[in-house]
Protein backbone atom coordinates (compact mmCIF):
# COMPACT_ATOMS: atom_id res chain seq x y z
CA MET A 1 271.40 48.22 123.64
CA LYS A 2 271.15 47.64 119.88
CA ILE A 3 270.48 44.04 118.82
CA LEU A 4 270.42 42.83 115.22
CA ILE A 5 268.38 39.67 114.69
CA VAL A 6 269.42 37.65 111.63
CA ILE A 7 266.89 35.19 110.20
CA ASP A 8 265.77 34.16 106.72
CA ASP A 9 261.97 34.12 106.90
CA TYR A 10 261.04 36.38 109.82
CA HIS A 11 257.35 36.84 108.99
CA ASN A 12 256.58 33.14 108.40
CA ASN A 13 253.70 32.41 110.77
CA SER A 14 253.68 28.67 110.09
CA ASN A 15 257.32 28.10 111.08
CA GLY A 16 258.31 27.59 114.72
CA MET A 17 261.74 29.16 114.30
CA SER A 18 260.19 32.33 112.86
CA ILE A 19 257.40 32.51 115.43
CA SER A 20 259.74 32.13 118.40
CA THR A 21 262.05 34.79 116.91
CA GLN A 22 259.11 37.19 116.50
CA ARG A 23 258.18 36.67 120.14
CA PHE A 24 261.70 37.26 121.43
CA VAL A 25 261.97 40.44 119.35
CA LYS A 26 258.73 41.68 120.90
CA GLU A 27 259.95 40.83 124.41
CA PHE A 28 263.39 42.40 123.86
CA LYS A 29 261.69 45.63 122.80
CA LYS A 30 259.51 45.54 125.94
CA LEU A 31 262.72 45.24 127.95
CA GLY A 32 264.00 48.47 126.43
CA CYS A 33 266.25 47.15 123.67
CA ASP A 34 266.53 48.69 120.22
CA VAL A 35 265.98 45.69 117.95
CA ARG A 36 266.25 45.48 114.17
CA VAL A 37 265.85 42.50 111.85
CA LEU A 38 267.83 41.38 108.80
CA ALA A 39 265.62 39.09 106.71
CA ILE A 40 263.41 38.91 103.63
CA GLY A 41 260.21 40.95 103.55
CA ASP A 42 259.10 44.02 105.47
CA VAL A 43 261.87 44.36 108.07
CA SER A 44 264.54 46.91 109.05
CA TYR A 45 267.06 45.52 106.57
CA SER A 46 265.28 43.72 103.74
CA LEU A 47 266.85 41.02 101.57
CA PRO A 48 265.60 39.31 98.40
CA GLU A 49 264.53 35.68 98.42
CA MET A 50 267.08 33.07 97.34
CA LYS A 51 265.86 30.43 94.89
CA ILE A 52 267.71 27.12 95.12
CA PRO A 53 267.87 25.13 91.86
CA PHE A 54 266.30 21.63 91.88
CA PHE A 55 264.86 22.14 95.39
CA ALA A 56 262.64 25.19 94.81
CA LYS A 57 259.40 23.19 94.61
CA LEU A 58 260.17 21.12 97.71
CA ILE A 59 261.13 24.20 99.72
CA ALA A 60 257.89 25.90 98.63
CA GLN A 61 255.92 22.85 99.81
CA GLN A 62 257.56 23.19 103.22
CA GLY A 63 256.47 26.83 103.32
CA PHE A 64 259.95 28.24 103.96
CA HIS A 65 261.88 31.01 102.19
CA PHE A 66 265.66 31.49 102.18
CA ALA A 67 267.23 34.96 102.18
CA LEU A 68 269.79 35.86 99.53
CA PRO A 69 272.80 37.52 101.21
CA VAL A 70 273.50 41.04 99.96
CA ARG A 71 276.81 42.23 101.40
CA LYS A 72 275.96 45.95 101.27
CA THR A 73 272.72 45.43 103.21
CA THR A 74 274.26 43.04 105.73
CA LEU A 75 277.22 45.37 106.28
CA LYS A 76 274.90 48.30 107.00
CA ALA A 77 272.88 46.20 109.45
CA VAL A 78 275.90 44.85 111.31
CA GLN A 79 277.55 48.29 111.53
CA TRP A 80 274.44 49.59 113.30
CA ALA A 81 274.35 46.85 115.95
CA ASP A 82 276.07 46.35 119.28
CA TYR A 83 275.11 42.68 119.31
CA VAL A 84 274.37 40.33 116.41
CA HIS A 85 272.14 37.32 117.12
CA LEU A 86 271.88 34.54 114.53
CA ASP A 87 268.56 32.71 114.37
CA THR A 88 269.48 30.89 111.15
CA PRO A 89 272.23 28.43 110.17
CA PHE A 90 271.91 29.42 106.50
CA PRO A 91 274.00 31.73 104.23
CA ILE A 92 272.67 35.05 105.52
CA GLY A 93 273.73 33.96 109.01
CA TRP A 94 277.18 32.99 107.71
CA GLN A 95 277.67 36.41 106.15
CA ALA A 96 276.36 38.39 109.12
CA GLY A 97 278.39 36.38 111.61
CA HIS A 98 281.58 36.76 109.57
CA LEU A 99 281.19 40.52 109.14
CA ALA A 100 280.26 41.03 112.79
CA LYS A 101 283.31 39.14 113.99
CA LYS A 102 285.59 41.15 111.69
CA MET A 103 284.19 44.33 113.25
CA GLY A 104 284.67 43.04 116.78
CA LYS A 105 280.94 42.74 117.48
CA THR A 106 279.48 40.28 119.96
CA VAL A 107 277.86 37.37 118.09
CA THR A 108 275.39 34.94 119.66
CA GLY A 109 273.02 32.38 118.16
CA THR A 110 270.11 30.04 118.77
CA PHE A 111 270.18 26.42 117.61
CA HIS A 112 266.75 25.99 116.05
CA ILE A 113 266.96 23.01 113.66
CA TYR A 114 268.67 19.66 113.22
CA PRO A 115 269.88 18.52 109.78
CA GLN A 116 267.15 15.87 109.85
CA ASN A 117 264.49 18.61 109.97
CA MET A 118 265.54 19.29 106.38
CA THR A 119 266.65 15.90 105.04
CA ALA A 120 263.65 13.93 106.34
CA SER A 121 261.57 15.44 103.54
CA VAL A 122 263.97 14.00 100.94
CA PRO A 123 264.56 10.34 101.93
CA ILE A 124 267.51 9.95 99.55
CA LEU A 125 269.28 12.73 101.48
CA ASN A 126 268.34 11.47 104.93
CA GLN A 127 271.54 9.47 105.34
CA LYS A 128 273.77 9.43 108.40
CA TRP A 129 276.82 10.72 106.54
CA ILE A 130 274.84 13.58 104.95
CA ASN A 131 273.33 14.61 108.29
CA ASN A 132 276.78 14.49 109.88
CA LEU A 133 278.14 16.62 107.05
CA ILE A 134 275.42 19.24 107.57
CA MET A 135 276.15 19.24 111.30
CA PHE A 136 279.82 19.80 110.44
CA VAL A 137 278.78 22.82 108.33
CA PHE A 138 276.70 24.13 111.24
CA LYS A 139 279.72 23.82 113.52
CA LYS A 140 282.44 25.12 111.19
CA ILE A 141 280.49 27.78 109.28
CA SER A 142 276.99 28.56 110.60
CA TYR A 143 277.85 29.05 114.27
CA LYS A 144 281.62 29.47 113.91
CA ASN A 145 281.57 33.15 114.87
CA CYS A 146 279.21 32.79 117.83
CA ASP A 147 280.54 33.37 121.33
CA VAL A 148 277.52 31.69 122.93
CA ILE A 149 274.73 29.45 121.57
CA GLN A 150 271.26 29.21 123.06
CA CYS A 151 270.07 25.59 123.25
CA PRO A 152 266.28 25.34 123.72
CA THR A 153 266.63 22.13 125.77
CA ALA A 154 269.26 20.15 127.65
CA LYS A 155 269.06 17.42 125.00
CA VAL A 156 270.02 19.91 122.28
CA LYS A 157 273.00 20.95 124.41
CA ARG A 158 274.09 17.32 124.77
CA ASN A 159 273.83 16.78 121.02
CA LEU A 160 275.97 19.84 120.30
CA GLN A 161 278.51 18.67 122.86
CA LYS A 162 278.56 15.31 121.10
CA TYR A 163 279.65 17.13 117.93
CA HIS A 164 282.20 19.15 119.94
CA PHE A 165 280.79 22.63 119.40
CA PRO A 166 283.41 24.84 121.11
CA GLN A 167 281.08 27.68 122.14
CA LYS A 168 279.53 28.18 125.53
CA LEU A 169 276.15 26.40 125.37
CA VAL A 170 273.30 27.83 127.44
CA VAL A 171 269.96 26.05 127.92
CA ILE A 172 267.08 28.51 127.50
CA SER A 173 263.65 27.50 126.24
CA ASN A 174 262.07 29.43 123.38
CA GLY A 175 259.16 29.85 125.74
CA ILE A 176 255.37 29.89 125.55
CA ALA A 177 253.38 33.00 124.65
CA GLN A 178 251.17 34.41 127.41
CA ALA A 179 248.08 34.07 125.20
CA PHE A 180 248.37 30.27 125.42
CA ILE A 181 249.10 30.28 129.15
CA ASP A 182 245.98 32.41 129.72
CA ASN A 183 243.85 30.25 127.40
CA PRO A 184 240.86 28.94 129.41
CA HIS A 185 240.23 25.19 129.17
CA LYS A 186 236.91 23.41 129.46
CA THR A 187 236.33 21.26 132.54
CA ASP A 188 234.28 18.45 130.95
CA THR A 189 236.93 15.87 130.06
CA GLN A 190 234.83 13.29 128.22
CA GLN A 191 232.11 15.03 126.22
CA ASP A 192 233.25 15.43 122.59
CA PHE A 193 236.60 13.79 123.36
CA THR A 194 239.09 15.40 120.98
CA ILE A 195 242.70 14.68 120.05
CA LEU A 196 244.74 17.45 118.48
CA CYS A 197 247.87 16.87 116.39
CA ILE A 198 249.65 20.07 115.34
CA GLY A 199 252.43 20.34 112.79
CA ARG A 200 253.49 20.53 109.19
CA PHE A 201 252.38 17.54 107.11
CA SER A 202 255.89 16.17 106.52
CA ASN A 203 257.94 13.07 107.23
CA GLU A 204 259.76 14.19 110.37
CA LYS A 205 256.48 15.09 112.09
CA ASP A 206 255.42 11.43 111.63
CA GLN A 207 251.64 11.86 111.78
CA TYR A 208 251.54 8.40 110.17
CA THR A 209 251.98 6.92 113.65
CA LEU A 210 248.82 8.62 114.94
CA PHE A 211 246.82 7.39 111.93
CA ARG A 212 247.98 3.83 112.65
CA ALA A 213 247.26 4.19 116.37
CA MET A 214 243.71 5.29 115.65
CA GLN A 215 243.25 2.30 113.35
CA VAL A 216 243.76 0.00 116.36
CA CYS A 217 242.43 2.21 119.19
CA LYS A 218 239.28 0.66 120.63
CA TYR A 219 237.68 4.07 121.21
CA ALA A 220 238.49 5.54 117.80
CA LYS A 221 234.84 5.84 116.76
CA ASN A 222 234.16 8.01 119.83
CA ILE A 223 237.07 10.40 119.35
CA ASN A 224 237.30 13.57 117.29
CA LEU A 225 240.68 13.78 115.58
CA ILE A 226 242.11 17.06 114.29
CA PHE A 227 245.32 17.40 112.28
CA ALA A 228 246.18 21.10 112.35
CA GLY A 229 248.69 21.90 109.64
CA GLN A 230 249.56 21.89 105.98
CA GLY A 231 252.31 20.45 103.82
CA PRO A 232 253.40 18.07 101.08
CA LEU A 233 251.87 14.91 102.60
CA LYS A 234 248.28 16.17 102.69
CA ASP A 235 247.10 13.93 99.82
CA LYS A 236 248.55 10.84 101.52
CA PHE A 237 246.93 11.81 104.80
CA GLU A 238 243.56 12.25 103.11
CA ALA A 239 243.86 8.69 101.81
CA LEU A 240 244.73 7.42 105.29
CA ALA A 241 241.78 9.34 106.75
CA LYS A 242 239.43 7.07 104.82
CA THR A 243 240.71 4.08 106.81
CA LEU A 244 239.52 5.51 110.14
CA PRO A 245 236.06 4.90 111.65
CA ARG A 246 235.59 8.65 112.13
CA LYS A 247 236.78 11.15 109.55
CA PRO A 248 239.40 13.56 110.95
CA ILE A 249 239.62 17.29 110.28
CA MET A 250 242.79 18.23 108.39
CA ARG A 251 243.60 21.86 107.65
CA TYR A 252 245.68 24.86 108.65
CA PHE A 253 244.60 26.92 111.68
CA ASN A 254 246.09 30.28 112.62
CA SER A 255 247.22 31.05 116.17
CA LYS A 256 243.87 32.42 117.33
CA GLN A 257 241.99 29.47 115.85
CA LEU A 258 244.44 27.04 117.44
CA ARG A 259 243.83 28.49 120.89
CA LYS A 260 240.09 27.90 120.45
CA LEU A 261 240.76 24.28 119.45
CA GLU A 262 243.13 23.74 122.35
CA ALA A 263 240.58 25.12 124.79
CA LYS A 264 238.19 22.33 123.76
CA SER A 265 240.58 19.39 123.20
CA GLN A 266 241.52 16.76 125.77
CA LEU A 267 244.78 15.45 124.30
CA VAL A 268 247.58 16.71 122.09
CA VAL A 269 249.61 13.98 120.38
CA HIS A 270 253.11 14.95 119.27
CA CYS A 271 254.59 12.25 117.02
CA ALA A 272 257.65 14.10 115.67
CA ASN A 273 260.83 12.05 115.85
CA VAL A 274 263.01 15.09 115.01
CA GLU A 275 262.28 18.14 117.16
CA VAL A 276 264.50 20.76 118.78
CA GLU A 277 261.79 21.76 121.27
CA GLY A 278 258.21 21.39 119.99
CA MET A 279 256.53 24.77 120.40
CA SER A 280 253.13 23.58 119.17
CA CYS A 281 253.01 20.86 121.82
CA MET A 282 254.10 23.29 124.54
CA GLU A 283 251.41 25.79 123.56
CA ALA A 284 248.79 23.04 123.62
CA PHE A 285 249.67 21.76 127.10
CA ALA A 286 249.81 25.38 128.33
CA SER A 287 246.20 25.60 127.14
CA GLY A 288 245.24 22.50 129.13
CA CYS A 289 245.62 19.70 126.57
CA VAL A 290 247.31 16.67 128.11
CA PRO A 291 250.24 15.66 125.88
CA ILE A 292 251.32 12.26 124.60
CA ILE A 293 254.81 12.79 123.19
CA ALA A 294 257.06 10.64 121.00
CA SER A 295 260.43 9.85 122.58
CA SER A 296 263.43 9.60 120.25
CA ASP A 297 267.13 10.49 120.18
CA LEU A 298 266.49 13.63 118.14
CA SER A 299 263.33 14.87 119.82
CA SER A 300 263.57 17.03 122.92
CA THR A 301 259.83 17.40 123.40
CA ALA A 302 259.57 14.23 125.48
CA SER A 303 261.51 16.03 128.21
CA TYR A 304 258.19 17.75 128.95
CA SER A 305 256.52 14.41 129.84
CA LEU A 306 255.40 14.47 133.47
CA THR A 307 254.48 10.76 133.63
CA LYS A 308 255.03 7.59 131.60
CA ASN A 309 251.52 8.02 130.19
CA ASN A 310 252.59 11.30 128.60
CA GLN A 311 255.05 9.66 126.23
CA PHE A 312 255.53 6.71 123.90
CA LYS A 313 258.39 5.28 121.89
CA ALA A 314 258.59 7.09 118.55
CA GLU A 315 256.84 5.21 115.71
CA ASP A 316 255.31 2.65 118.13
CA TYR A 317 251.64 3.06 117.26
CA HIS A 318 250.49 0.23 119.54
CA GLU A 319 251.98 2.00 122.56
CA LEU A 320 250.45 5.28 121.43
CA ALA A 321 247.04 3.62 121.12
CA LYS A 322 247.38 2.31 124.70
CA ARG A 323 248.21 5.79 125.96
CA ILE A 324 245.16 7.25 124.21
CA GLU A 325 242.96 4.50 125.67
CA TYR A 326 244.39 5.12 129.15
CA TRP A 327 243.47 8.79 129.16
CA TYR A 328 240.05 8.10 127.65
CA GLU A 329 239.36 5.62 130.48
CA HIS A 330 240.58 7.93 133.28
CA PRO A 331 238.72 11.25 132.94
CA LEU A 332 239.37 12.43 136.52
CA GLU A 333 243.10 11.85 136.19
CA LEU A 334 242.97 13.54 132.79
CA GLY A 335 241.41 16.63 134.36
CA ASN A 336 244.01 16.75 137.13
CA MET A 337 246.86 16.30 134.66
CA SER A 338 245.47 19.13 132.53
CA LYS A 339 245.72 21.47 135.54
CA LYS A 340 249.27 20.28 136.30
CA TYR A 341 250.39 21.08 132.79
CA GLN A 342 248.79 24.51 132.87
CA THR A 343 250.72 25.24 136.07
CA TYR A 344 253.95 23.79 134.66
CA ALA A 345 253.66 25.94 131.53
CA ARG A 346 253.91 29.13 133.59
CA SER A 347 257.57 28.31 134.28
CA LEU A 348 258.16 28.43 130.50
CA ASN A 349 256.63 31.87 129.94
CA VAL A 350 258.25 33.60 126.97
CA ASN A 351 258.84 36.77 128.98
CA LYS A 352 260.96 34.86 131.48
CA CYS A 353 262.83 33.04 128.68
CA ALA A 354 263.49 36.29 126.80
CA LYS A 355 264.99 37.85 129.94
CA MET A 356 267.32 34.86 130.24
CA ALA A 357 268.28 35.13 126.56
CA LEU A 358 268.98 38.84 126.94
CA SER A 359 271.19 38.12 129.94
CA MET A 360 273.03 35.52 127.83
CA ILE A 361 273.62 38.06 125.05
CA ARG A 362 274.88 40.70 127.48
CA SER A 363 277.22 38.30 129.26
CA ALA A 364 278.66 37.13 125.94
CA LYS A 365 280.23 40.58 125.51
CA LYS A 366 282.18 40.06 128.70
CA ARG A 367 283.77 36.79 127.58
């Protein structure tokens, strides 16, 4: 079974879409598939990077790289494959999907990002009509040639149905890597009480809400706060950090370093108001961190809330502060909830999810 994975920035280890794709490729190979990748960088079929005028600096700040479609390379890749899977809604995916369909190949895709994941970083572009237009492009061009689309959550599926995507929509999580599920967690729930917030420093991740919550939280001076990430808002966050009674740590951590942090942290706060699934939050609760997750129309992560104390209304920093105070005041319940989340995470193991995705790809050929 020969599967071609199409994605712009395959080796980007700070991007959830890229990381989940890397993991599925690894799992597909374990399951006996012959998998090749069409992307920029050191892959089976390598493409040059595409520079976009006027937005190059902003894109660089977000740490993402677009692939420039090269028909000859894409044609060679698609001719090799039995199945073509699109992990990108951008031009290389358009070209690969179009060529694959012309050749009668099975085409599937994964819906990884909302328009707002891109436009939130440019407020002038974050308009309803622009986001609707991008969604129209996703429907009519990006995923047009797909027979089936993987939706990481049921909420993503509902949103695609709202926009009348005609494809079969299958709910399959991107999954959690075994390394996080096996990550041991400390049992002392109050010593060195630590809150972890993981994600790119950008508007749609809304770390502002956590800063504001800690400004009013009555236990703020007793809590270690760690913002794990990087991005264009770092200077603004450093200014906000000066308003807190205890200076937070703010820097990028690689996967191994994150697991060490998660093993020692009590809470993970996920403030993003635009999120297809929220891999960083899932990895943290798999490691034993109890989550407090923002609930919004465009964030699916709140579907992983096991109780009302595991979520808050997006941008409501007073409610978030109350949730933090609740868990600080209830260490025994915090410890029990940590164990519940570690057990729950096993049902989202990436190996299981990859098997489901592979079954989806195979069944698409029969449609």
